[in-house]
């Protein structure tokens, strides 16, 4: 075998190995994971409705949707903080681009980023 063929064989083998390797991703840091789960749980327990693409959803559906988006981001290693979760998963529809909103009983409708940001601030000031 010539040197050129040997090198080509090694390069092709390495490329095949990279393509065939399972996709590995890094989990967000433990504090970020905890905060994100607390935010999703807070929305679920809030009694507030969640609007996406013009339709209002009950808290359980909002949780389900946000967990699905969070899982998508985690699999692609695209979320490392609660702020990134809010920005990339919980602010607007990735399909339509329309902003999400939260409507709580007796309160004005607010953008979801504002609602979740306030909850995150509260969590950080009350959790040791």
N, C-alpha and C. Protein backbone atom coordinates (compact mmCIF):
# COMPACT_ATOMS: atom_id res chain seq x y z
N UNK A 1 0.85 -1.17 0.00
CA UNK A 1 0.00 0.00 0.00
C UNK A 1 0.89 1.23 0.00
N UNK A 2 0.54 2.18 -0.83
CA UNK A 2 1.33 3.41 -0.91
C UNK A 2 1.04 4.29 0.31
N UNK A 3 1.91 5.22 0.54
CA UNK A 3 1.74 6.15 1.66
C UNK A 3 0.47 6.97 1.47
N UNK A 4 0.23 7.38 0.24
CA UNK A 4 -0.96 8.18 -0.06
C UNK A 4 -2.22 7.39 0.28
N UNK A 5 -2.27 6.11 -0.10
CA UNK A 5 -3.43 5.26 0.19
C UNK A 5 -3.59 5.05 1.69
N UNK A 6 -2.50 4.88 2.39
CA UNK A 6 -2.54 4.67 3.84
C UNK A 6 -3.10 5.90 4.54
N UNK A 7 -2.64 7.06 4.13
CA UNK A 7 -3.13 8.31 4.73
C UNK A 7 -4.62 8.48 4.43
N UNK A 8 -5.00 8.22 3.18
CA UNK A 8 -6.41 8.33 2.80
C UNK A 8 -7.26 7.39 3.64
N UNK A 9 -6.80 6.19 3.84
CA UNK A 9 -7.54 5.20 4.63
C UNK A 9 -7.74 5.69 6.07
N UNK A 10 -6.71 6.26 6.64
CA UNK A 10 -6.81 6.77 8.01
C UNK A 10 -7.79 7.94 8.08
N UNK A 11 -7.70 8.86 7.13
CA UNK A 11 -8.58 10.03 7.11
C UNK A 11 -10.03 9.60 6.93
N UNK A 12 -10.30 8.71 5.98
CA UNK A 12 -11.66 8.23 5.74
C UNK A 12 -12.18 7.51 6.99
N UNK A 13 -11.36 6.70 7.60
CA UNK A 13 -11.78 5.99 8.81
C UNK A 13 -12.12 6.95 9.94
N UNK A 14 -11.33 7.99 10.08
CA UNK A 14 -11.59 8.98 11.13
C UNK A 14 -12.90 9.70 10.87
N UNK A 15 -13.15 10.06 9.62
CA UNK A 15 -14.40 10.75 9.27
C UNK A 15 -15.60 9.87 9.53
N UNK A 16 -15.51 8.61 9.16
CA UNK A 16 -16.61 7.68 9.41
C UNK A 16 -16.84 7.55 10.91
N UNK A 17 -15.78 7.49 11.68
CA UNK A 17 -15.92 7.40 13.13
C UNK A 17 -16.62 8.61 13.72
N UNK A 18 -16.33 9.78 13.20
CA UNK A 18 -16.98 10.99 13.70
C UNK A 18 -18.46 11.00 13.36
N UNK A 19 -18.80 10.58 12.17
CA UNK A 19 -20.20 10.56 11.75
C UNK A 19 -20.98 9.51 12.52
N UNK A 20 -20.36 8.37 12.78
CA UNK A 20 -21.05 7.26 13.44
C UNK A 20 -21.11 7.42 14.96
N UNK A 21 -20.29 8.31 15.51
CA UNK A 21 -20.25 8.47 16.96
C UNK A 21 -21.58 9.03 17.46
N UNK A 22 -22.04 8.53 18.60
CA UNK A 22 -23.29 9.07 19.15
C UNK A 22 -23.10 10.53 19.54
N UNK A 23 -24.14 11.29 19.36
CA UNK A 23 -24.08 12.71 19.69
C UNK A 23 -24.02 12.86 21.21
N UNK A 24 -22.99 13.49 21.69
CA UNK A 24 -22.85 13.74 23.12
C UNK A 24 -23.19 15.20 23.37
N UNK A 25 -23.80 15.47 24.50
CA UNK A 25 -24.08 16.85 24.84
C UNK A 25 -23.83 17.06 26.31
N UNK A 26 -23.50 18.26 26.60
CA UNK A 26 -23.24 18.61 27.99
C UNK A 26 -24.53 19.09 28.63
N UNK A 27 -24.81 18.58 29.80
CA UNK A 27 -25.97 19.04 30.55
C UNK A 27 -25.67 20.45 31.05
N UNK A 28 -26.69 21.27 31.21
CA UNK A 28 -26.46 22.57 31.85
C UNK A 28 -25.93 22.34 33.26
N UNK A 29 -25.25 23.33 33.80
CA UNK A 29 -24.76 23.20 35.19
C UNK A 29 -25.93 22.89 36.13
N UNK A 30 -25.66 22.20 37.24
CA UNK A 30 -26.73 21.82 38.18
C UNK A 30 -27.61 23.00 38.63
N UNK A 31 -27.00 24.15 38.91
CA UNK A 31 -27.81 25.29 39.34
C UNK A 31 -28.78 25.72 38.24
N UNK A 32 -28.32 25.74 37.00
CA UNK A 32 -29.19 26.12 35.87
C UNK A 32 -30.32 25.11 35.72
N UNK A 33 -30.00 23.83 35.79
CA UNK A 33 -31.05 22.79 35.70
C UNK A 33 -32.11 23.00 36.78
N UNK A 34 -31.65 23.23 37.99
CA UNK A 34 -32.56 23.43 39.12
C UNK A 34 -33.44 24.66 38.89
N UNK A 35 -32.84 25.76 38.48
CA UNK A 35 -33.60 26.98 38.26
C UNK A 35 -34.62 26.83 37.13
N UNK A 36 -34.22 26.18 36.05
CA UNK A 36 -35.13 25.99 34.92
C UNK A 36 -36.32 25.14 35.34
N UNK A 37 -36.05 24.06 36.06
CA UNK A 37 -37.16 23.21 36.53
C UNK A 37 -38.06 23.99 37.49
N UNK A 38 -37.47 24.82 38.34
CA UNK A 38 -38.27 25.62 39.26
C UNK A 38 -39.14 26.63 38.50
N UNK A 39 -38.61 27.19 37.43
CA UNK A 39 -39.40 28.12 36.62
C UNK A 39 -40.58 27.42 35.96
N UNK A 40 -40.31 26.26 35.37
CA UNK A 40 -41.38 25.50 34.72
C UNK A 40 -42.42 25.08 35.75
N UNK A 41 -41.97 24.62 36.92
CA UNK A 41 -42.89 24.24 37.99
C UNK A 41 -43.70 25.44 38.49
N UNK A 42 -43.05 26.60 38.63
CA UNK A 42 -43.74 27.80 39.10
C UNK A 42 -44.87 28.18 38.15
N UNK A 43 -44.62 28.08 36.85
CA UNK A 43 -45.67 28.38 35.89
C UNK A 43 -46.83 27.39 36.03
N UNK A 44 -46.50 26.13 36.22
CA UNK A 44 -47.52 25.11 36.36
C UNK A 44 -48.38 25.28 37.60
N UNK A 45 -47.80 25.80 38.67
CA UNK A 45 -48.52 25.97 39.94
C UNK A 45 -49.16 27.34 40.07
N UNK A 46 -48.91 28.21 39.11
CA UNK A 46 -49.33 29.61 39.23
C UNK A 46 -50.81 29.85 39.01
N UNK A 47 -51.47 28.96 38.29
CA UNK A 47 -52.85 29.22 37.91
C UNK A 47 -52.96 30.17 36.73
N UNK A 48 -51.82 30.54 36.16
CA UNK A 48 -51.79 31.47 35.04
C UNK A 48 -51.88 30.72 33.71
N UNK A 49 -52.47 31.37 32.74
CA UNK A 49 -52.54 30.79 31.39
C UNK A 49 -51.34 31.29 30.58
N UNK A 50 -51.01 30.53 29.56
CA UNK A 50 -49.84 30.78 28.74
C UNK A 50 -50.29 30.89 27.30
N UNK A 51 -49.97 32.02 26.67
CA UNK A 51 -50.38 32.21 25.27
C UNK A 51 -49.21 31.95 24.34
N UNK A 52 -49.50 31.12 23.35
CA UNK A 52 -48.54 30.94 22.26
C UNK A 52 -49.31 30.84 20.96
N UNK A 53 -48.82 31.54 19.97
CA UNK A 53 -49.43 31.58 18.64
C UNK A 53 -50.92 31.91 18.69
N UNK A 54 -51.28 32.84 19.57
CA UNK A 54 -52.64 33.34 19.62
C UNK A 54 -53.63 32.52 20.42
N UNK A 55 -53.19 31.41 21.02
CA UNK A 55 -54.08 30.55 21.79
C UNK A 55 -53.61 30.50 23.24
N UNK A 56 -54.58 30.58 24.17
CA UNK A 56 -54.28 30.49 25.60
C UNK A 56 -54.33 29.04 26.04
N UNK A 57 -53.31 28.63 26.79
CA UNK A 57 -53.21 27.25 27.27
C UNK A 57 -53.19 27.23 28.80
N UNK A 58 -53.73 26.15 29.38
CA UNK A 58 -53.66 26.01 30.85
C UNK A 58 -52.23 25.74 31.29
N UNK A 59 -51.95 25.93 32.57
CA UNK A 59 -50.59 25.77 33.09
C UNK A 59 -49.94 24.42 32.74
N UNK A 60 -50.68 23.34 32.81
CA UNK A 60 -50.09 22.02 32.53
C UNK A 60 -49.60 21.93 31.08
N UNK A 61 -50.36 22.49 30.16
CA UNK A 61 -49.95 22.48 28.74
C UNK A 61 -48.73 23.38 28.53
N UNK A 62 -48.69 24.49 29.27
CA UNK A 62 -47.54 25.39 29.18
C UNK A 62 -46.28 24.67 29.66
N UNK A 63 -46.39 23.96 30.78
CA UNK A 63 -45.25 23.19 31.30
C UNK A 63 -44.78 22.17 30.27
N UNK A 64 -45.71 21.44 29.72
CA UNK A 64 -45.38 20.41 28.74
C UNK A 64 -44.63 21.02 27.55
N UNK A 65 -45.13 22.12 27.05
CA UNK A 65 -44.51 22.79 25.90
C UNK A 65 -43.10 23.27 26.24
N UNK A 66 -42.95 23.92 27.38
CA UNK A 66 -41.64 24.45 27.75
C UNK A 66 -40.64 23.34 28.04
N UNK A 67 -41.09 22.24 28.62
CA UNK A 67 -40.18 21.10 28.85
C UNK A 67 -39.70 20.51 27.52
N UNK A 68 -40.61 20.44 26.56
CA UNK A 68 -40.23 19.93 25.23
C UNK A 68 -39.17 20.83 24.60
N UNK A 69 -39.37 22.14 24.69
CA UNK A 69 -38.39 23.07 24.12
C UNK A 69 -37.07 23.02 24.90
N UNK A 70 -37.14 22.87 26.20
CA UNK A 70 -35.93 22.75 27.02
C UNK A 70 -35.16 21.49 26.63
N UNK A 71 -35.85 20.38 26.49
CA UNK A 71 -35.19 19.13 26.07
C UNK A 71 -34.52 19.29 24.71
N UNK A 72 -35.18 19.97 23.80
CA UNK A 72 -34.62 20.22 22.46
C UNK A 72 -33.31 21.00 22.60
N UNK A 73 -33.32 22.05 23.38
CA UNK A 73 -32.12 22.86 23.57
C UNK A 73 -31.01 22.07 24.25
N UNK A 74 -31.37 21.29 25.27
CA UNK A 74 -30.37 20.48 25.98
C UNK A 74 -29.69 19.50 25.04
N UNK A 75 -30.47 18.84 24.20
CA UNK A 75 -29.89 17.85 23.27
C UNK A 75 -28.91 18.50 22.31
N UNK A 76 -29.05 19.76 22.07
CA UNK A 76 -28.17 20.47 21.14
C UNK A 76 -27.14 21.34 21.86
N UNK A 77 -27.08 21.17 23.18
CA UNK A 77 -26.12 21.92 24.01
C UNK A 77 -26.27 23.43 23.79
N UNK A 78 -27.52 23.90 23.81
CA UNK A 78 -27.81 25.31 23.55
C UNK A 78 -28.36 26.06 24.75
N UNK A 79 -28.30 25.44 25.92
CA UNK A 79 -28.79 26.13 27.11
C UNK A 79 -27.88 25.81 28.29
N UNK A 80 -27.31 26.89 28.85
CA UNK A 80 -26.39 26.71 29.97
C UNK A 80 -26.81 27.53 31.19
N UNK A 81 -27.93 28.25 31.07
CA UNK A 81 -28.38 29.06 32.19
C UNK A 81 -29.89 29.25 32.10
N UNK A 82 -30.47 29.68 33.20
CA UNK A 82 -31.91 29.96 33.21
C UNK A 82 -32.23 31.13 32.26
N UNK A 83 -31.34 32.10 32.18
CA UNK A 83 -31.54 33.22 31.27
C UNK A 83 -31.59 32.74 29.82
N UNK A 84 -30.70 31.83 29.46
CA UNK A 84 -30.73 31.29 28.10
C UNK A 84 -32.01 30.50 27.85
N UNK A 85 -32.47 29.76 28.85
CA UNK A 85 -33.73 29.04 28.71
C UNK A 85 -34.86 30.02 28.42
N UNK A 86 -34.94 31.09 29.20
CA UNK A 86 -36.00 32.07 29.00
C UNK A 86 -35.90 32.66 27.60
N UNK A 87 -34.71 33.07 27.22
CA UNK A 87 -34.50 33.71 25.92
C UNK A 87 -34.77 32.77 24.75
N UNK A 88 -34.26 31.55 24.84
CA UNK A 88 -34.30 30.65 23.69
C UNK A 88 -35.51 29.73 23.63
N UNK A 89 -36.17 29.51 24.78
CA UNK A 89 -37.29 28.57 24.78
C UNK A 89 -38.61 29.19 25.21
N UNK A 90 -38.57 30.20 26.05
CA UNK A 90 -39.79 30.64 26.71
C UNK A 90 -40.23 32.06 26.38
N UNK A 91 -39.64 32.65 25.36
CA UNK A 91 -39.96 34.02 25.01
C UNK A 91 -40.88 34.13 23.79
N UNK A 92 -40.61 33.28 22.79
CA UNK A 92 -41.41 33.35 21.57
C UNK A 92 -41.40 32.02 20.84
N UNK A 93 -42.33 31.89 19.93
CA UNK A 93 -42.46 30.69 19.13
C UNK A 93 -41.31 30.60 18.13
N UNK A 94 -40.66 29.47 18.09
CA UNK A 94 -39.60 29.28 17.11
C UNK A 94 -40.18 29.07 15.72
N UNK A 95 -41.46 28.75 15.64
CA UNK A 95 -42.12 28.54 14.35
C UNK A 95 -42.64 29.86 13.77
N UNK A 96 -43.40 30.61 14.56
CA UNK A 96 -44.04 31.82 14.04
C UNK A 96 -43.29 33.10 14.40
N UNK A 97 -42.45 33.03 15.44
CA UNK A 97 -41.76 34.22 15.91
C UNK A 97 -42.61 35.08 16.85
N UNK A 98 -43.87 34.70 17.06
CA UNK A 98 -44.76 35.48 17.93
C UNK A 98 -44.34 35.31 19.39
N UNK A 99 -44.41 36.43 20.12
CA UNK A 99 -44.05 36.43 21.54
C UNK A 99 -45.07 35.64 22.35
N UNK A 100 -44.59 34.98 23.40
CA UNK A 100 -45.45 34.30 24.36
C UNK A 100 -45.89 35.30 25.42
N UNK A 101 -47.07 35.05 26.01
CA UNK A 101 -47.58 35.90 27.08
C UNK A 101 -48.09 35.04 28.23
N UNK A 102 -48.20 35.66 29.40
CA UNK A 102 -48.74 34.99 30.58
C UNK A 102 -49.89 35.86 31.10
N UNK A 103 -51.00 35.20 31.42
CA UNK A 103 -52.19 35.89 31.94
C UNK A 103 -52.58 35.24 33.26
N UNK A 104 -52.43 36.00 34.34
CA UNK A 104 -52.76 35.51 35.67
C UNK A 104 -54.06 36.16 36.13
N UNK A 105 -54.86 35.45 36.92
CA UNK A 105 -56.13 36.01 37.40
C UNK A 105 -55.92 37.35 38.11
N UNK A 106 -56.71 38.35 37.69
CA UNK A 106 -56.68 39.65 38.34
C UNK A 106 -55.47 40.51 38.02
N UNK A 107 -54.65 40.09 37.06
CA UNK A 107 -53.45 40.85 36.70
C UNK A 107 -53.42 41.08 35.20
N UNK A 108 -52.69 42.10 34.76
CA UNK A 108 -52.59 42.33 33.32
C UNK A 108 -51.75 41.25 32.63
N UNK A 109 -51.99 41.07 31.36
CA UNK A 109 -51.19 40.15 30.55
C UNK A 109 -49.78 40.72 30.44
N UNK A 110 -48.78 39.86 30.60
CA UNK A 110 -47.38 40.29 30.49
C UNK A 110 -46.63 39.34 29.55
N UNK A 111 -45.56 39.81 28.93
CA UNK A 111 -44.74 38.91 28.13
C UNK A 111 -44.16 37.81 29.02
N UNK A 112 -44.08 36.61 28.49
CA UNK A 112 -43.58 35.48 29.28
C UNK A 112 -42.17 35.73 29.78
N UNK A 113 -41.34 36.40 28.99
CA UNK A 113 -39.97 36.68 29.42
C UNK A 113 -39.97 37.53 30.69
N UNK A 114 -40.88 38.48 30.75
CA UNK A 114 -40.99 39.34 31.95
C UNK A 114 -41.46 38.52 33.14
N UNK A 115 -42.49 37.70 32.95
CA UNK A 115 -43.04 36.88 34.03
C UNK A 115 -41.97 35.92 34.56
N UNK A 116 -41.31 35.20 33.66
CA UNK A 116 -40.29 34.23 34.07
C UNK A 116 -39.07 34.91 34.67
N UNK A 117 -38.69 36.06 34.12
CA UNK A 117 -37.56 36.81 34.68
C UNK A 117 -37.83 37.24 36.12
N UNK A 118 -39.05 37.67 36.38
CA UNK A 118 -39.42 38.06 37.76
C UNK A 118 -39.38 36.85 38.68
N UNK A 119 -39.86 35.70 38.21
CA UNK A 119 -39.83 34.48 39.03
C UNK A 119 -38.39 34.05 39.30
N UNK A 120 -37.55 34.16 38.29
CA UNK A 120 -36.14 33.79 38.46
C UNK A 120 -35.48 34.69 39.51
N UNK A 121 -35.76 35.97 39.43
CA UNK A 121 -35.20 36.90 40.43
C UNK A 121 -35.68 36.54 41.83
N UNK A 122 -36.97 36.22 41.97
CA UNK A 122 -37.50 35.82 43.27
C UNK A 122 -36.84 34.54 43.76
N UNK A 123 -36.69 33.56 42.87
CA UNK A 123 -36.04 32.29 43.24
C UNK A 123 -34.63 32.54 43.76
N UNK A 124 -33.91 33.35 43.07
CA UNK A 124 -32.51 33.60 43.44
C UNK A 124 -32.39 34.37 44.75
N UNK A 125 -33.39 35.17 45.07
CA UNK A 125 -33.32 35.94 46.33
C UNK A 125 -33.89 35.19 47.52
N UNK A 126 -34.60 34.10 47.26
CA UNK A 126 -35.19 33.35 48.36
C UNK A 126 -34.55 31.99 48.57
N UNK A 127 -33.78 31.52 47.59
CA UNK A 127 -33.11 30.23 47.70
C UNK A 127 -31.69 30.43 48.18
N UNK A 128 -31.33 29.73 49.28
CA UNK A 128 -29.96 29.90 49.81
C UNK A 128 -28.91 29.38 48.85
